[in-house]
N, C-alpha and C. Protein backbone atom coordinates (compact mmCIF):
# COMPACT_ATOMS: atom_id res chain seq x y z
N MET A 1 0.84 -1.19 0.00
CA MET A 1 0.00 0.00 0.00
C MET A 1 0.88 1.24 0.00
N GLY A 2 0.49 2.24 -0.72
CA GLY A 2 1.22 3.50 -0.77
C GLY A 2 1.07 4.28 0.52
N LYS A 3 1.73 5.41 0.54
CA LYS A 3 1.74 6.24 1.74
C LYS A 3 0.56 7.22 1.73
N SER A 4 0.23 7.71 2.90
CA SER A 4 -0.81 8.72 3.03
C SER A 4 -0.31 10.04 2.45
N ILE A 5 -1.21 10.84 1.98
CA ILE A 5 -0.86 12.16 1.46
C ILE A 5 -0.19 13.01 2.54
N GLU A 6 -0.43 12.69 3.78
CA GLU A 6 0.22 13.41 4.89
C GLU A 6 1.73 13.24 4.87
N GLU A 7 2.21 12.18 4.25
CA GLU A 7 3.65 11.91 4.17
C GLU A 7 4.31 12.54 2.94
N ARG A 8 3.52 13.17 2.11
CA ARG A 8 4.05 13.76 0.88
C ARG A 8 4.96 14.94 1.24
N PRO A 9 6.15 15.02 0.62
CA PRO A 9 7.10 16.11 0.94
C PRO A 9 6.52 17.49 0.64
N GLU A 10 6.97 18.46 1.38
CA GLU A 10 6.49 19.83 1.22
C GLU A 10 6.77 20.38 -0.18
N THR A 11 7.87 19.95 -0.81
CA THR A 11 8.17 20.43 -2.18
C THR A 11 7.06 20.02 -3.16
N VAL A 12 6.45 18.87 -2.92
CA VAL A 12 5.34 18.43 -3.77
C VAL A 12 4.14 19.33 -3.50
N ASN A 13 3.85 19.55 -2.24
CA ASN A 13 2.70 20.38 -1.87
C ASN A 13 2.83 21.80 -2.40
N LEU A 14 4.05 22.32 -2.44
CA LEU A 14 4.28 23.70 -2.89
C LEU A 14 4.47 23.82 -4.40
N ARG A 15 4.48 22.68 -5.10
CA ARG A 15 4.64 22.67 -6.56
C ARG A 15 5.96 23.31 -6.99
N GLU A 16 7.02 23.02 -6.27
CA GLU A 16 8.32 23.63 -6.54
C GLU A 16 9.13 22.91 -7.60
N GLU A 17 8.84 21.65 -7.84
CA GLU A 17 9.61 20.92 -8.84
C GLU A 17 8.69 20.10 -9.72
N PHE A 18 9.15 19.89 -10.93
CA PHE A 18 8.43 19.10 -11.91
C PHE A 18 8.52 17.62 -11.56
N GLY A 19 7.48 16.87 -11.89
CA GLY A 19 7.53 15.42 -11.80
C GLY A 19 6.57 14.81 -10.80
N HIS A 20 5.69 15.63 -10.24
CA HIS A 20 4.72 15.12 -9.26
C HIS A 20 3.33 15.20 -9.87
N TRP A 21 2.67 14.07 -9.94
CA TRP A 21 1.43 13.91 -10.69
C TRP A 21 0.27 13.54 -9.79
N GLU A 22 -0.93 13.88 -10.25
CA GLU A 22 -2.18 13.42 -9.64
C GLU A 22 -2.89 12.56 -10.68
N ILE A 23 -3.48 11.46 -10.23
CA ILE A 23 -4.12 10.52 -11.16
C ILE A 23 -5.57 10.31 -10.74
N ASP A 24 -6.41 10.09 -11.75
CA ASP A 24 -7.82 9.78 -11.50
C ASP A 24 -8.36 9.04 -12.72
N SER A 25 -9.62 8.70 -12.66
CA SER A 25 -10.27 8.08 -13.81
C SER A 25 -11.64 8.73 -13.99
N VAL A 26 -12.10 8.72 -15.23
CA VAL A 26 -13.39 9.32 -15.57
C VAL A 26 -14.22 8.27 -16.30
N LEU A 27 -15.45 8.12 -15.85
CA LEU A 27 -16.39 7.20 -16.48
C LEU A 27 -17.37 7.98 -17.33
N GLY A 28 -17.85 7.34 -18.38
CA GLY A 28 -18.93 7.92 -19.17
C GLY A 28 -20.24 7.45 -18.57
N LYS A 29 -20.58 6.22 -18.89
CA LYS A 29 -21.72 5.57 -18.25
C LYS A 29 -21.17 4.85 -17.03
N LYS A 30 -21.94 4.75 -16.01
CA LYS A 30 -21.44 4.17 -14.76
C LYS A 30 -21.46 2.64 -14.82
N LYS A 31 -20.66 2.10 -15.73
CA LYS A 31 -20.51 0.65 -15.85
C LYS A 31 -19.03 0.34 -15.85
N ASP A 32 -18.59 -0.56 -14.99
CA ASP A 32 -17.17 -0.90 -14.91
C ASP A 32 -16.65 -1.57 -16.17
N THR A 33 -17.53 -2.18 -16.97
CA THR A 33 -17.09 -2.89 -18.18
C THR A 33 -16.96 -1.97 -19.38
N GLU A 34 -17.42 -0.76 -19.25
CA GLU A 34 -17.37 0.23 -20.33
C GLU A 34 -16.00 0.92 -20.34
N PRO A 35 -15.52 1.39 -21.50
CA PRO A 35 -14.25 2.13 -21.52
C PRO A 35 -14.30 3.33 -20.57
N ALA A 36 -13.12 3.72 -20.11
CA ALA A 36 -12.99 4.86 -19.20
C ALA A 36 -11.79 5.69 -19.67
N ILE A 37 -11.49 6.75 -18.94
CA ILE A 37 -10.34 7.58 -19.25
C ILE A 37 -9.48 7.70 -18.00
N MET A 38 -8.19 7.41 -18.15
CA MET A 38 -7.23 7.66 -17.08
C MET A 38 -6.75 9.09 -17.27
N THR A 39 -6.90 9.90 -16.23
CA THR A 39 -6.43 11.29 -16.29
C THR A 39 -5.26 11.43 -15.33
N ILE A 40 -4.20 12.05 -15.81
CA ILE A 40 -3.02 12.27 -14.98
C ILE A 40 -2.52 13.69 -15.27
N VAL A 41 -2.32 14.47 -14.20
CA VAL A 41 -1.97 15.88 -14.33
C VAL A 41 -0.72 16.17 -13.51
N GLU A 42 0.24 16.84 -14.13
CA GLU A 42 1.46 17.23 -13.43
C GLU A 42 1.15 18.48 -12.60
N ARG A 43 1.55 18.46 -11.34
CA ARG A 43 1.14 19.51 -10.40
C ARG A 43 1.74 20.88 -10.69
N LYS A 44 2.97 20.97 -11.10
CA LYS A 44 3.62 22.28 -11.29
C LYS A 44 3.16 22.95 -12.59
N THR A 45 3.20 22.23 -13.69
CA THR A 45 2.90 22.81 -15.00
C THR A 45 1.43 22.71 -15.39
N ARG A 46 0.67 21.88 -14.68
CA ARG A 46 -0.74 21.60 -14.99
C ARG A 46 -0.91 20.88 -16.33
N MET A 47 0.15 20.24 -16.79
CA MET A 47 0.08 19.46 -18.02
C MET A 47 -0.78 18.22 -17.76
N SER A 48 -1.78 18.01 -18.60
CA SER A 48 -2.67 16.86 -18.39
C SER A 48 -2.53 15.87 -19.53
N LEU A 49 -2.57 14.61 -19.17
CA LEU A 49 -2.55 13.52 -20.14
C LEU A 49 -3.80 12.69 -19.91
N TRP A 50 -4.59 12.51 -20.95
CA TRP A 50 -5.81 11.73 -20.87
C TRP A 50 -5.68 10.54 -21.79
N ILE A 51 -5.87 9.37 -21.24
CA ILE A 51 -5.67 8.13 -22.00
C ILE A 51 -6.92 7.26 -21.89
N LYS A 52 -7.45 6.88 -23.04
CA LYS A 52 -8.61 5.98 -23.06
C LYS A 52 -8.15 4.59 -22.65
N ILE A 53 -8.88 3.98 -21.72
CA ILE A 53 -8.56 2.63 -21.25
C ILE A 53 -9.76 1.72 -21.48
N LYS A 54 -9.50 0.42 -21.53
CA LYS A 54 -10.54 -0.53 -21.95
C LYS A 54 -11.70 -0.64 -20.97
N ASP A 55 -11.44 -0.43 -19.68
CA ASP A 55 -12.51 -0.47 -18.68
C ASP A 55 -12.02 0.23 -17.41
N HIS A 56 -12.83 0.19 -16.38
CA HIS A 56 -12.54 0.91 -15.14
C HIS A 56 -11.88 0.00 -14.11
N SER A 57 -11.05 -0.91 -14.54
CA SER A 57 -10.44 -1.87 -13.64
C SER A 57 -9.02 -1.45 -13.25
N SER A 58 -8.53 -2.02 -12.17
CA SER A 58 -7.16 -1.74 -11.75
C SER A 58 -6.17 -2.26 -12.78
N MET A 59 -6.50 -3.34 -13.47
CA MET A 59 -5.61 -3.89 -14.49
C MET A 59 -5.47 -2.91 -15.66
N ALA A 60 -6.57 -2.29 -16.07
CA ALA A 60 -6.53 -1.33 -17.17
C ALA A 60 -5.71 -0.10 -16.78
N ILE A 61 -5.87 0.36 -15.56
CA ILE A 61 -5.08 1.51 -15.07
C ILE A 61 -3.60 1.12 -15.04
N ASP A 62 -3.30 -0.05 -14.50
CA ASP A 62 -1.91 -0.50 -14.40
C ASP A 62 -1.25 -0.55 -15.77
N GLU A 63 -1.94 -1.13 -16.75
CA GLU A 63 -1.39 -1.25 -18.11
C GLU A 63 -1.14 0.12 -18.73
N ALA A 64 -2.12 1.01 -18.62
CA ALA A 64 -1.99 2.34 -19.24
C ALA A 64 -0.89 3.15 -18.56
N LEU A 65 -0.84 3.09 -17.23
CA LEU A 65 0.16 3.87 -16.50
C LEU A 65 1.56 3.34 -16.76
N GLN A 66 1.73 2.03 -16.75
CA GLN A 66 3.05 1.45 -17.00
C GLN A 66 3.51 1.76 -18.42
N SER A 67 2.59 1.70 -19.38
CA SER A 67 2.93 2.03 -20.76
C SER A 67 3.37 3.49 -20.87
N LEU A 68 2.64 4.38 -20.19
CA LEU A 68 3.01 5.80 -20.20
C LEU A 68 4.39 6.01 -19.59
N ILE A 69 4.63 5.42 -18.45
CA ILE A 69 5.93 5.57 -17.77
C ILE A 69 7.05 5.04 -18.65
N ASN A 70 6.84 3.88 -19.26
CA ASN A 70 7.87 3.26 -20.09
C ASN A 70 8.22 4.09 -21.33
N ARG A 71 7.29 4.92 -21.79
CA ARG A 71 7.56 5.76 -22.97
C ARG A 71 8.71 6.73 -22.73
N PHE A 72 9.01 7.00 -21.47
CA PHE A 72 10.07 7.96 -21.16
C PHE A 72 11.43 7.30 -20.96
N GLY A 73 11.48 6.00 -21.10
CA GLY A 73 12.76 5.28 -21.05
C GLY A 73 13.61 5.67 -19.86
N THR A 74 14.84 6.06 -20.11
CA THR A 74 15.78 6.38 -19.04
C THR A 74 15.44 7.68 -18.33
N LYS A 75 14.55 8.49 -18.89
CA LYS A 75 14.15 9.76 -18.26
C LYS A 75 12.95 9.60 -17.34
N LYS A 76 12.41 8.37 -17.21
CA LYS A 76 11.16 8.21 -16.45
C LYS A 76 11.28 8.66 -15.00
N SER A 77 12.46 8.52 -14.40
CA SER A 77 12.60 8.94 -13.00
C SER A 77 12.62 10.47 -12.87
N GLU A 78 12.94 11.18 -13.95
CA GLU A 78 12.87 12.64 -13.94
C GLU A 78 11.45 13.12 -14.18
N VAL A 79 10.71 12.38 -14.98
CA VAL A 79 9.35 12.78 -15.35
C VAL A 79 8.35 12.36 -14.27
N PHE A 80 8.54 11.19 -13.68
CA PHE A 80 7.62 10.68 -12.67
C PHE A 80 8.34 10.48 -11.34
N LYS A 81 8.23 11.46 -10.47
CA LYS A 81 8.82 11.37 -9.13
C LYS A 81 7.81 10.87 -8.12
N SER A 82 6.56 11.31 -8.27
CA SER A 82 5.50 10.83 -7.38
C SER A 82 4.16 10.89 -8.11
N ILE A 83 3.25 10.06 -7.63
CA ILE A 83 1.88 10.05 -8.14
C ILE A 83 0.95 9.98 -6.93
N THR A 84 -0.06 10.85 -6.93
CA THR A 84 -1.05 10.86 -5.87
C THR A 84 -2.39 10.44 -6.46
N GLY A 85 -2.99 9.43 -5.86
CA GLY A 85 -4.29 8.95 -6.31
C GLY A 85 -5.27 8.89 -5.16
N ASP A 86 -6.49 8.51 -5.47
CA ASP A 86 -7.47 8.34 -4.41
C ASP A 86 -7.58 6.87 -4.06
N ASN A 87 -8.55 6.53 -3.26
CA ASN A 87 -8.69 5.17 -2.77
C ASN A 87 -9.66 4.33 -3.60
N GLY A 88 -9.92 4.75 -4.82
CA GLY A 88 -10.82 3.99 -5.69
C GLY A 88 -10.25 2.62 -6.01
N SER A 89 -11.14 1.68 -6.28
CA SER A 89 -10.71 0.30 -6.54
C SER A 89 -9.83 0.21 -7.78
N GLU A 90 -9.97 1.17 -8.71
CA GLU A 90 -9.13 1.14 -9.91
C GLU A 90 -7.67 1.42 -9.60
N PHE A 91 -7.38 1.95 -8.40
CA PHE A 91 -6.00 2.24 -7.99
C PHE A 91 -5.49 1.24 -6.94
N ALA A 92 -6.12 0.08 -6.89
CA ALA A 92 -5.75 -0.94 -5.90
C ALA A 92 -4.29 -1.37 -6.02
N ASN A 93 -3.75 -1.36 -7.24
CA ASN A 93 -2.37 -1.80 -7.46
C ASN A 93 -1.41 -0.64 -7.71
N LEU A 94 -1.85 0.59 -7.51
CA LEU A 94 -1.04 1.75 -7.84
C LEU A 94 0.30 1.75 -7.11
N SER A 95 0.31 1.29 -5.88
CA SER A 95 1.56 1.31 -5.13
C SER A 95 2.62 0.37 -5.71
N ASN A 96 2.22 -0.54 -6.61
CA ASN A 96 3.20 -1.42 -7.26
C ASN A 96 4.21 -0.65 -8.11
N ILE A 97 3.86 0.56 -8.56
CA ILE A 97 4.81 1.32 -9.38
C ILE A 97 5.94 1.89 -8.53
N GLU A 98 5.83 1.79 -7.22
CA GLU A 98 6.94 2.22 -6.37
C GLU A 98 8.20 1.41 -6.67
N ASN A 99 8.01 0.22 -7.26
CA ASN A 99 9.16 -0.59 -7.68
C ASN A 99 9.97 0.11 -8.77
N ASN A 100 9.35 1.08 -9.46
CA ASN A 100 10.05 1.87 -10.48
C ASN A 100 10.73 3.10 -9.89
N GLY A 101 10.70 3.22 -8.56
CA GLY A 101 11.31 4.39 -7.92
C GLY A 101 10.40 5.60 -7.86
N ILE A 102 9.11 5.40 -8.09
CA ILE A 102 8.12 6.48 -8.06
C ILE A 102 7.38 6.38 -6.73
N SER A 103 7.37 7.47 -5.98
CA SER A 103 6.62 7.49 -4.72
C SER A 103 5.13 7.58 -5.01
N VAL A 104 4.34 6.84 -4.24
CA VAL A 104 2.89 6.84 -4.41
C VAL A 104 2.25 7.30 -3.11
N TYR A 105 1.30 8.22 -3.25
CA TYR A 105 0.57 8.73 -2.10
C TYR A 105 -0.92 8.59 -2.37
N PHE A 106 -1.68 8.37 -1.32
CA PHE A 106 -3.13 8.25 -1.43
C PHE A 106 -3.80 9.33 -0.60
N THR A 107 -4.85 9.91 -1.16
CA THR A 107 -5.62 10.92 -0.44
C THR A 107 -6.44 10.24 0.65
N HIS A 108 -6.97 11.05 1.55
CA HIS A 108 -7.89 10.54 2.55
C HIS A 108 -9.20 10.16 1.85
N PRO A 109 -9.92 9.19 2.36
CA PRO A 109 -11.19 8.79 1.74
C PRO A 109 -12.16 9.98 1.63
N TYR A 110 -12.82 10.07 0.50
CA TYR A 110 -13.86 11.07 0.24
C TYR A 110 -13.34 12.51 0.32
N THR A 111 -12.09 12.74 -0.02
CA THR A 111 -11.54 14.09 -0.03
C THR A 111 -10.88 14.36 -1.38
N SER A 112 -11.71 14.48 -2.39
CA SER A 112 -11.19 14.72 -3.74
C SER A 112 -10.44 16.04 -3.83
N CYS A 113 -10.70 16.96 -2.90
CA CYS A 113 -10.01 18.25 -2.93
C CYS A 113 -8.51 18.10 -2.71
N GLU A 114 -8.06 16.97 -2.18
CA GLU A 114 -6.63 16.75 -1.96
C GLU A 114 -5.88 16.48 -3.27
N LYS A 115 -6.60 16.26 -4.33
CA LYS A 115 -5.99 16.22 -5.67
C LYS A 115 -6.84 17.09 -6.59
N GLY A 116 -6.95 18.34 -6.15
CA GLY A 116 -7.81 19.31 -6.81
C GLY A 116 -7.41 19.67 -8.22
N THR A 117 -6.11 19.63 -8.51
CA THR A 117 -5.67 19.93 -9.88
C THR A 117 -6.28 18.94 -10.85
N ASN A 118 -6.25 17.67 -10.48
CA ASN A 118 -6.81 16.64 -11.35
C ASN A 118 -8.33 16.78 -11.44
N GLU A 119 -8.97 17.07 -10.33
CA GLU A 119 -10.43 17.23 -10.34
C GLU A 119 -10.84 18.39 -11.25
N CYS A 120 -10.08 19.47 -11.22
CA CYS A 120 -10.33 20.63 -12.08
C CYS A 120 -10.20 20.23 -13.55
N HIS A 121 -9.19 19.45 -13.88
CA HIS A 121 -9.00 19.01 -15.26
C HIS A 121 -10.09 18.01 -15.68
N ASN A 122 -10.55 17.20 -14.75
CA ASN A 122 -11.65 16.28 -15.08
C ASN A 122 -12.90 17.09 -15.45
N LYS A 123 -13.10 18.21 -14.75
CA LYS A 123 -14.24 19.07 -15.07
C LYS A 123 -14.07 19.65 -16.48
N MET A 124 -12.84 19.98 -16.86
CA MET A 124 -12.59 20.48 -18.22
C MET A 124 -12.86 19.38 -19.26
N LEU A 125 -12.52 18.14 -18.91
CA LEU A 125 -12.80 17.01 -19.81
C LEU A 125 -14.30 16.90 -20.07
N ARG A 126 -15.10 17.23 -19.06
CA ARG A 126 -16.56 17.14 -19.20
C ARG A 126 -17.11 18.16 -20.20
N ARG A 127 -16.30 19.13 -20.60
CA ARG A 127 -16.73 20.03 -21.68
C ARG A 127 -16.87 19.26 -22.98
N PHE A 128 -16.07 18.22 -23.12
CA PHE A 128 -16.06 17.42 -24.34
C PHE A 128 -16.92 16.16 -24.21
N ILE A 129 -16.91 15.57 -23.02
CA ILE A 129 -17.64 14.32 -22.80
C ILE A 129 -18.55 14.51 -21.58
N PRO A 130 -19.80 14.83 -21.80
CA PRO A 130 -20.71 15.04 -20.67
C PRO A 130 -20.93 13.76 -19.87
N LYS A 131 -21.27 13.92 -18.59
CA LYS A 131 -21.58 12.76 -17.75
C LYS A 131 -22.70 11.96 -18.40
N GLY A 132 -22.57 10.65 -18.33
CA GLY A 132 -23.59 9.77 -18.88
C GLY A 132 -23.38 9.41 -20.34
N LYS A 133 -22.51 10.14 -21.03
CA LYS A 133 -22.21 9.84 -22.44
C LYS A 133 -21.14 8.75 -22.48
N SER A 134 -21.33 7.77 -23.30
CA SER A 134 -20.41 6.64 -23.37
C SER A 134 -19.03 7.06 -23.89
N ILE A 135 -18.00 6.64 -23.20
CA ILE A 135 -16.62 6.87 -23.66
C ILE A 135 -16.38 6.08 -24.94
N ASP A 136 -17.15 5.02 -25.12
CA ASP A 136 -17.04 4.19 -26.32
C ASP A 136 -17.31 4.99 -27.60
N ASP A 137 -18.01 6.12 -27.47
CA ASP A 137 -18.33 6.96 -28.62
C ASP A 137 -17.13 7.78 -29.10
N TYR A 138 -16.02 7.73 -28.37
CA TYR A 138 -14.85 8.54 -28.68
C TYR A 138 -13.64 7.63 -28.90
N SER A 139 -12.83 7.98 -29.87
CA SER A 139 -11.61 7.20 -30.14
C SER A 139 -10.51 7.66 -29.18
N ALA A 140 -9.45 6.88 -29.11
CA ALA A 140 -8.28 7.27 -28.32
C ALA A 140 -7.71 8.58 -28.84
N GLU A 141 -7.76 8.77 -30.16
CA GLU A 141 -7.26 10.01 -30.77
C GLU A 141 -8.12 11.20 -30.38
N ASP A 142 -9.44 10.99 -30.27
CA ASP A 142 -10.32 12.07 -29.82
C ASP A 142 -9.92 12.52 -28.41
N ILE A 143 -9.69 11.56 -27.53
CA ILE A 143 -9.34 11.85 -26.13
C ILE A 143 -8.02 12.62 -26.09
N LEU A 144 -7.04 12.20 -26.88
CA LEU A 144 -5.75 12.91 -26.94
C LEU A 144 -5.94 14.34 -27.47
N PHE A 145 -6.80 14.49 -28.47
CA PHE A 145 -7.09 15.82 -29.00
C PHE A 145 -7.69 16.72 -27.92
N PHE A 146 -8.63 16.18 -27.15
CA PHE A 146 -9.25 16.96 -26.07
C PHE A 146 -8.20 17.44 -25.07
N SER A 147 -7.26 16.56 -24.71
CA SER A 147 -6.22 16.97 -23.76
C SER A 147 -5.30 18.01 -24.39
N ASP A 148 -5.03 17.89 -25.68
CA ASP A 148 -4.21 18.89 -26.37
C ASP A 148 -4.88 20.27 -26.31
N VAL A 149 -6.19 20.30 -26.52
CA VAL A 149 -6.92 21.57 -26.46
C VAL A 149 -6.78 22.19 -25.08
N ILE A 150 -6.96 21.41 -24.04
CA ILE A 150 -6.87 21.92 -22.67
C ILE A 150 -5.44 22.34 -22.34
N ASN A 151 -4.46 21.62 -22.84
CA ASN A 151 -3.05 21.97 -22.57
C ASN A 151 -2.60 23.23 -23.31
N GLU A 152 -3.43 23.71 -24.23
CA GLU A 152 -3.12 24.95 -24.96
C GLU A 152 -3.87 26.16 -24.40
N LEU A 153 -4.59 25.98 -23.31
CA LEU A 153 -5.30 27.10 -22.70
C LEU A 153 -4.38 27.86 -21.75
N PRO A 154 -4.21 29.17 -21.94
CA PRO A 154 -3.39 29.94 -21.00
C PRO A 154 -4.02 29.92 -19.61
N ARG A 155 -3.17 29.92 -18.59
CA ARG A 155 -3.64 29.87 -17.20
C ARG A 155 -3.07 31.05 -16.42
N LYS A 156 -3.92 31.72 -15.70
CA LYS A 156 -3.47 32.82 -14.84
C LYS A 156 -2.41 32.32 -13.87
N ILE A 157 -2.63 31.13 -13.30
CA ILE A 157 -1.70 30.55 -12.32
C ILE A 157 -0.31 30.30 -12.91
N LEU A 158 -0.24 30.20 -14.24
CA LEU A 158 1.03 29.99 -14.95
C LEU A 158 1.51 31.29 -15.61
N ASN A 159 1.07 32.42 -15.07
CA ASN A 159 1.44 33.72 -15.63
C ASN A 159 1.02 33.83 -17.10
N TYR A 160 -0.15 33.29 -17.39
CA TYR A 160 -0.77 33.29 -18.71
C TYR A 160 0.01 32.50 -19.77
N HIS A 161 0.86 31.61 -19.31
CA HIS A 161 1.44 30.62 -20.21
C HIS A 161 0.48 29.45 -20.28
N THR A 162 0.69 28.59 -21.26
CA THR A 162 -0.09 27.36 -21.33
C THR A 162 0.73 26.26 -20.67
N PRO A 163 0.06 25.18 -20.25
CA PRO A 163 0.83 24.05 -19.74
C PRO A 163 1.86 23.55 -20.75
N ARG A 164 1.50 23.56 -22.02
CA ARG A 164 2.43 23.10 -23.05
C ARG A 164 3.64 24.03 -23.16
N ASN A 165 3.43 25.35 -22.96
CA ASN A 165 4.56 26.28 -22.95
C ASN A 165 5.50 25.99 -21.80
N CYS A 166 4.93 25.59 -20.68
CA CYS A 166 5.74 25.35 -19.48
C CYS A 166 6.41 23.98 -19.49
N LEU A 167 5.92 23.12 -20.30
CA LEU A 167 6.51 21.79 -20.38
C LEU A 167 6.50 21.34 -21.82
N ILE A 168 7.66 21.14 -22.37
CA ILE A 168 7.76 20.64 -23.73
C ILE A 168 8.41 19.27 -23.66
N ILE A 169 7.66 18.29 -24.08
CA ILE A 169 8.20 16.93 -24.06
C ILE A 169 8.39 16.47 -25.50
N ASP A 170 9.60 16.14 -25.84
CA ASP A 170 9.87 15.57 -27.15
C ASP A 170 9.80 14.05 -26.99
N TRP A 171 8.68 13.46 -27.41
CA TRP A 171 8.43 12.04 -27.17
C TRP A 171 9.44 11.13 -27.88
N THR A 172 10.03 11.58 -28.94
CA THR A 172 10.94 10.70 -29.65
C THR A 172 12.34 10.72 -29.05
N GLU A 173 12.76 11.83 -28.52
CA GLU A 173 14.10 11.93 -27.95
C GLU A 173 14.09 11.87 -26.42
N TYR A 174 12.90 11.89 -25.82
CA TYR A 174 12.75 11.87 -24.36
C TYR A 174 13.52 13.00 -23.69
N MET A 175 13.45 14.17 -24.32
CA MET A 175 14.13 15.32 -23.74
C MET A 175 13.12 16.11 -22.93
N LEU A 176 13.57 16.68 -21.86
CA LEU A 176 12.68 17.44 -20.99
C LEU A 176 13.21 18.87 -20.88
N LEU A 177 12.38 19.83 -21.26
CA LEU A 177 12.74 21.23 -21.16
C LEU A 177 11.71 21.89 -20.22
N LYS A 178 12.16 22.68 -19.27
CA LYS A 178 11.24 23.31 -18.33
C LYS A 178 11.07 24.79 -18.65
N CYS A 179 9.89 25.26 -18.43
CA CYS A 179 9.59 26.67 -18.61
C CYS A 179 10.32 27.47 -17.53
N LEU A 180 10.92 28.58 -17.91
CA LEU A 180 11.63 29.43 -16.93
C LEU A 180 10.68 30.28 -16.16
C-alpha cells in the first residue's frame, strides 16, 4: 500500500519541482465494463494527459500507466517522481509502481479536494464528454485531441502561459525542457 498524502514532501505540496502527478479516472456511463479515461496531471505545469482505457479496472489503469511511464525510457525517474491517487478500486495496485522508484501517495477517503488539480481538469474534460455519455463513442485520438486543447489554454496561475509552454516533451528523444 502507498503512503498517506500526509507523508508527501512539502516540495510536492508547494509545486516547486516538476515530476509530481495526480491521477484519477473518468467514467462515461457508470458501468465498470465500459471504456474509461485515465487522467493524470502534473502539479507544477498543470500538463494533463488523458488516456482511453478498456474499462474501469485496476488492471486497465496498471497497463496504461506502465505504458506511459515506459515511454520515457531512461528519463522516467525525472518525469515521474510521485503520483497521488485516491482510494478507488481502480487504484488498488497503484503502489506497485513504487518498484520503479516512483513514490505513491493516497488521499484521505472522500476528499477529492486533496488532488484538486486533477479534479479541475476532469471538469474540463466534461466540456467534451458530458456525464452519462459513453466513452465508447470517442476514439483514443479524440481523447488525446481533447487533452491537447486543454493543454493549450493559457492559465493565470502559470502567468498566462499554457501548460504546453511550461513543459515541452519531445516524445521521440525523451528530452525534458522546463519553462523558466
